[in-house]
Amino acid sequence: MKVYMGPYYHWFQPYKWVKSWLRWWYGFGEGIAADKFDMKKYDELEKWVRERFSWLNRLEGWVDSVYARKIKVRIDH
């Protein structure tokens, strides 16, 4: 019997937190109307975040690589 469990991403995700916060701050949240959404401004914001906070993305990758998923298997009758 083989059991495969996918990768476990640790809860520590500061890069994603920063991206989410900046999207919210600049008004690119959930449920935004299509006529108010400026794709060019959104792309510029994404590029700016990638350039300034790439070190947080690398930190997330390191944390995910260090922590291994702990699995306990218990089989009852």
Protein backbone atom coordinates (compact mmCIF):
# COMPACT_ATOMS: atom_id res chain seq x y z
CA MET A 1 0.00 0.00 0.00
CA LYS A 2 1.48 3.33 -1.06
CA VAL A 3 0.31 6.60 0.37
CA TYR A 4 1.41 9.83 -1.25
CA MET A 5 1.01 13.11 0.50
CA GLY A 6 1.81 16.25 -1.41
CA PRO A 7 4.21 18.95 -0.34
CA TYR A 8 3.44 20.74 2.88
CA TYR A 9 3.99 24.46 2.76
CA HIS A 10 4.72 25.95 6.14
CA TRP A 11 2.40 28.64 7.49
CA PHE A 12 5.30 31.13 7.43
CA GLN A 13 4.77 32.96 4.12
CA PRO A 14 5.83 36.60 4.46
CA TYR A 15 6.19 37.16 0.70
CA LYS A 16 2.58 36.16 0.13
CA TRP A 17 1.51 38.29 3.09
CA VAL A 18 3.25 41.36 1.65
CA LYS A 19 1.75 40.77 -1.81
CA SER A 20 -1.74 40.36 -0.36
CA TRP A 21 -1.40 43.44 1.79
CA LEU A 22 -0.16 45.60 -1.10
CA ARG A 23 -2.96 44.36 -3.36
CA TRP A 24 -5.46 45.33 -0.69
CA TRP A 25 -3.74 48.69 -0.03
CA TYR A 26 -3.81 49.69 -3.68
CA GLY A 27 -7.39 48.52 -4.20
CA PHE A 28 -6.83 45.25 -6.06
CA GLY A 29 -8.89 43.19 -3.65
CA GLU A 30 -11.44 40.47 -4.22
CA GLY A 31 -14.62 41.44 -6.01
CA ILE A 32 -13.24 44.51 -7.74
CA ALA A 33 -15.34 45.67 -10.68
CA ALA A 34 -13.84 45.01 -14.11
CA ASP A 35 -14.21 48.66 -15.18
CA LYS A 36 -12.22 49.85 -12.14
CA PHE A 37 -9.41 47.31 -12.55
CA ASP A 38 -6.30 48.80 -14.17
CA MET A 39 -4.22 45.88 -15.43
CA LYS A 40 -1.21 48.03 -16.27
CA LYS A 41 -1.06 49.46 -12.74
CA TYR A 42 -1.50 45.96 -11.30
CA ASP A 43 1.39 44.61 -13.42
CA GLU A 44 3.60 47.50 -12.29
CA LEU A 45 2.76 46.74 -8.66
CA GLU A 46 3.54 43.03 -9.14
CA LYS A 47 6.89 43.88 -10.76
CA TRP A 48 7.74 46.31 -7.96
CA VAL A 49 6.93 43.68 -5.30
CA ARG A 50 9.03 41.01 -7.08
CA GLU A 51 12.02 43.37 -7.30
CA ARG A 52 11.87 44.66 -3.72
CA PHE A 53 10.77 41.54 -1.85
CA SER A 54 12.40 38.66 -3.72
CA TRP A 55 14.47 37.94 -0.61
CA LEU A 56 11.24 37.11 1.24
CA ASN A 57 10.35 34.62 -1.48
CA ARG A 58 13.75 32.94 -1.05
CA LEU A 59 13.24 32.92 2.72
CA GLU A 60 9.89 31.16 2.27
CA GLY A 61 11.53 28.54 0.06
CA TRP A 62 14.21 27.94 2.66
CA VAL A 63 11.68 27.55 5.48
CA ASP A 64 9.66 25.09 3.37
CA SER A 65 12.80 23.06 2.61
CA VAL A 66 13.87 22.87 6.27
CA TYR A 67 10.55 21.77 7.72
CA ALA A 68 9.40 18.29 6.83
CA ARG A 69 5.82 17.16 7.11
CA LYS A 70 5.31 14.92 10.11
CA ILE A 71 3.04 12.01 9.35
CA LYS A 72 1.58 9.61 11.88
CA VAL A 73 -0.22 6.53 10.61
CA ARG A 74 -2.45 4.53 12.88
CA ILE A 75 -4.28 1.44 11.69
CA ASP A 76 -7.03 0.04 13.88
CA HIS A 77 -8.72 -3.32 13.57
